[in-house]
């Protein structure tokens, strides 16, 4: 089976994790949602990762591998959405990290 890697941003209650998720090139298990919904797996494996604390402004830590408990994932976003999606929905490419940072700043402003 041929594979491909897709960079994803995963957030848990305490951590923001950016890493490479290994997916099938085509068909079964070729989408992020396929991996997230795979009930036979308790953990999702990521490589080439950066882990940040959600409530901290400090730099993240780099790790060659991390296993994330599937039940702890709050949100998972592809970091590089396909160009087709941008054209289809009229979106401008924005990094998920910048979106989450804006969301946190708005939350702080609201108190």
C-alpha atoms as a PDB file:
ATOM      1  CA  UNK A   1       0.000   0.000   0.000  1.00  0.00           C
ATOM      2  CA  UNK A   2       1.312   3.440  -0.919  1.00  0.00           C
ATOM      3  CA  UNK A   3       1.250   6.189   1.669  1.00  0.00           C
ATOM      4  CA  UNK A   4       1.445   9.946   1.823  1.00  0.00           C
ATOM      5  CA  UNK A   5       2.092  12.370   4.676  1.00  0.00           C
ATOM      6  CA  UNK A   6      -0.132  15.294   5.558  1.00  0.00           C
ATOM      7  CA  UNK A   7       0.776  17.955   8.103  1.00  0.00           C
ATOM      8  CA  UNK A   8      -2.008  18.415  10.648  1.00  0.00           C
ATOM      9  CA  UNK A   9      -2.633  20.645  13.629  1.00  0.00           C
ATOM     10  CA  UNK A  10      -4.248  18.817  16.537  1.00  0.00           C
ATOM     11  CA  UNK A  11      -5.477  20.481  19.688  1.00  0.00           C
ATOM     12  CA  UNK A  12      -6.274  18.790  22.971  1.00  0.00           C
ATOM     13  CA  UNK A  13      -7.446  20.476  26.164  1.00  0.00           C
ATOM     14  CA  UNK A  14      -3.837  21.285  27.095  1.00  0.00           C
ATOM     15  CA  UNK A  15      -1.688  20.922  23.953  1.00  0.00           C
ATOM     16  CA  UNK A  16      -1.425  22.131  20.386  1.00  0.00           C
ATOM     17  CA  UNK A  17       0.432  19.609  18.240  1.00  0.00           C
ATOM     18  CA  UNK A  18       1.656  20.024  14.682  1.00  0.00           C
ATOM     19  CA  UNK A  19       2.913  16.889  12.973  1.00  0.00           C
ATOM     20  CA  UNK A  20       2.889  14.616   9.963  1.00  0.00           C
ATOM     21  CA  UNK A  21       0.074  12.076   9.785  1.00  0.00           C
ATOM     22  CA  UNK A  22       0.603   9.047   7.545  1.00  0.00           C
ATOM     23  CA  UNK A  23      -2.387   8.378   5.299  1.00  0.00           C
ATOM     24  CA  UNK A  24      -3.125   5.941   2.479  1.00  0.00           C
ATOM     25  CA  UNK A  25      -2.512   7.531  -0.903  1.00  0.00           C
ATOM     26  CA  UNK A  26      -6.028   6.669  -2.137  1.00  0.00           C
ATOM     27  CA  UNK A  27      -9.249   5.062  -0.932  1.00  0.00           C
ATOM     28  CA  UNK A  28      -9.709   3.651   2.553  1.00  0.00           C
ATOM     29  CA  UNK A  29      -7.894   5.662   5.277  1.00  0.00           C
ATOM     30  CA  UNK A  30      -6.860   8.389   2.837  1.00  0.00           C
ATOM     31  CA  UNK A  31      -8.570  11.191   4.788  1.00  0.00           C
ATOM     32  CA  UNK A  32      -7.855  12.678   8.209  1.00  0.00           C
ATOM     33  CA  UNK A  33     -11.434  11.937   9.240  1.00  0.00           C
ATOM     34  CA  UNK A  34     -10.918   8.239   8.409  1.00  0.00           C
ATOM     35  CA  UNK A  35      -8.077   8.066  10.923  1.00  0.00           C
ATOM     36  CA  UNK A  36      -9.943  10.075  13.571  1.00  0.00           C
ATOM     37  CA  UNK A  37     -13.010   7.834  13.286  1.00  0.00           C
ATOM     38  CA  UNK A  38     -11.143   4.507  13.303  1.00  0.00           C
ATOM     39  CA  UNK A  39     -12.623   2.936  16.431  1.00  0.00           C
ATOM     40  CA  UNK A  40     -10.059   0.126  16.454  1.00  0.00           C
ATOM     41  CA  UNK A  41      -7.295   2.680  17.177  1.00  0.00           C
ATOM     42  CA  UNK A  42      -6.876   4.359  20.539  1.00  0.00           C
ATOM     43  CA  UNK A  43      -3.900   6.487  19.476  1.00  0.00           C
ATOM     44  CA  UNK A  44      -2.937   8.497  16.417  1.00  0.00           C
ATOM     45  CA  UNK A  45       0.740   8.479  15.456  1.00  0.00           C
ATOM     46  CA  UNK A  46       2.433  11.677  14.296  1.00  0.00           C
ATOM     47  CA  UNK A  47       6.024  12.255  13.207  1.00  0.00           C
ATOM     48  CA  UNK A  48       8.155  15.404  12.946  1.00  0.00           C
ATOM     49  CA  UNK A  49       6.114  17.101  15.677  1.00  0.00           C
ATOM     50  CA  UNK A  50       6.054  20.396  17.538  1.00  0.00           C
ATOM     51  CA  UNK A  51       4.139  20.387  20.826  1.00  0.00           C
ATOM     52  CA  UNK A  52       3.007  23.628  22.498  1.00  0.00           C
ATOM     53  CA  UNK A  53       1.083  24.215  25.691  1.00  0.00           C
ATOM     54  CA  UNK A  54      -2.258  25.888  24.891  1.00  0.00           C
ATOM     55  CA  UNK A  55      -2.014  28.420  27.755  1.00  0.00           C
ATOM     56  CA  UNK A  56       1.662  29.245  27.243  1.00  0.00           C
ATOM     57  CA  UNK A  57       3.412  31.738  24.993  1.00  0.00           C
ATOM     58  CA  UNK A  58       6.714  29.872  25.113  1.00  0.00           C
ATOM     59  CA  UNK A  59       8.263  27.999  22.213  1.00  0.00           C
ATOM     60  CA  UNK A  60       7.131  24.480  21.463  1.00  0.00           C
ATOM     61  CA  UNK A  61       9.236  21.376  21.819  1.00  0.00           C
ATOM     62  CA  UNK A  62      10.246  19.231  18.832  1.00  0.00           C
ATOM     63  CA  UNK A  63       9.758  15.457  18.834  1.00  0.00           C
ATOM     64  CA  UNK A  64      10.444  12.892  16.101  1.00  0.00           C
ATOM     65  CA  UNK A  65       7.348  10.877  17.132  1.00  0.00           C
ATOM     66  CA  UNK A  66       4.287  11.303  19.323  1.00  0.00           C
ATOM     67  CA  UNK A  67       1.172   9.184  19.898  1.00  0.00           C
ATOM     68  CA  UNK A  68      -1.956  11.211  20.677  1.00  0.00           C
ATOM     69  CA  UNK A  69      -4.919   9.612  22.414  1.00  0.00           C
ATOM     70  CA  UNK A  70      -7.762   9.803  19.908  1.00  0.00           C
ATOM     71  CA  UNK A  71     -10.351  10.532  22.621  1.00  0.00           C
ATOM     72  CA  UNK A  72      -8.372  13.599  23.781  1.00  0.00           C
ATOM     73  CA  UNK A  73      -8.511  15.359  20.403  1.00  0.00           C
ATOM     74  CA  UNK A  74     -10.745  18.431  20.359  1.00  0.00           C
ATOM     75  CA  UNK A  75      -9.938  19.638  16.835  1.00  0.00           C
ATOM     76  CA  UNK A  76      -7.797  18.450  13.934  1.00  0.00           C
ATOM     77  CA  UNK A  77      -7.032  20.703  10.976  1.00  0.00           C
ATOM     78  CA  UNK A  78      -4.931  20.060   7.872  1.00  0.00           C
ATOM     79  CA  UNK A  79      -2.198  22.697   7.912  1.00  0.00           C
ATOM     80  CA  UNK A  80      -1.948  22.873   4.133  1.00  0.00           C
ATOM     81  CA  UNK A  81      -5.455  22.599   2.686  1.00  0.00           C
ATOM     82  CA  UNK A  82      -5.615  21.561  -0.974  1.00  0.00           C
ATOM     83  CA  UNK A  83      -5.759  24.416  -3.463  1.00  0.00           C
ATOM     84  CA  UNK A  84      -9.072  22.988  -4.726  1.00  0.00           C
ATOM     85  CA  UNK A  85     -10.701  23.801  -1.378  1.00  0.00           C
ATOM     86  CA  UNK A  86      -9.514  27.402  -1.546  1.00  0.00           C
ATOM     87  CA  UNK A  87     -10.973  27.859  -5.010  1.00  0.00           C
ATOM     88  CA  UNK A  88     -14.177  25.955  -4.248  1.00  0.00           C
ATOM     89  CA  UNK A  89     -15.053  27.914  -1.127  1.00  0.00           C
ATOM     90  CA  UNK A  90     -13.395  31.226  -2.029  1.00  0.00           C
ATOM     91  CA  UNK A  91     -11.031  30.915   0.924  1.00  0.00           C
ATOM     92  CA  UNK A  92      -7.649  32.437   1.388  1.00  0.00           C
ATOM     93  CA  UNK A  93      -4.991  30.109   2.719  1.00  0.00           C
ATOM     94  CA  UNK A  94      -4.441  30.766   6.411  1.00  0.00           C
ATOM     95  CA  UNK A  95      -2.433  28.676   8.768  1.00  0.00           C
ATOM     96  CA  UNK A  96      -4.517  26.941  11.444  1.00  0.00           C
ATOM     97  CA  UNK A  97      -2.046  28.186  14.045  1.00  0.00           C
ATOM     98  CA  UNK A  98      -2.799  31.807  13.152  1.00  0.00           C
ATOM     99  CA  UNK A  99      -6.544  31.099  13.291  1.00  0.00           C
ATOM    100  CA  UNK A 100      -6.235  29.562  16.758  1.00  0.00           C
ATOM    101  CA  UNK A 101      -4.062  32.456  17.932  1.00  0.00           C
ATOM    102  CA  UNK A 102      -6.692  34.956  16.763  1.00  0.00           C
ATOM    103  CA  UNK A 103      -9.384  32.934  18.524  1.00  0.00           C
ATOM    104  CA  UNK A 104      -7.413  32.963  21.797  1.00  0.00           C
ATOM    105  CA  UNK A 105      -6.807  36.724  21.566  1.00  0.00           C
ATOM    106  CA  UNK A 106     -10.515  37.317  21.009  1.00  0.00           C
ATOM    107  CA  UNK A 107     -11.331  35.136  24.002  1.00  0.00           C
ATOM    108  CA  UNK A 108      -8.925  37.144  26.193  1.00  0.00           C
ATOM    109  CA  UNK A 109     -10.482  40.421  25.044  1.00  0.00           C
ATOM    110  CA  UNK A 110     -13.946  39.168  25.988  1.00  0.00           C
ATOM    111  CA  UNK A 111     -12.692  38.343  29.454  1.00  0.00           C
END
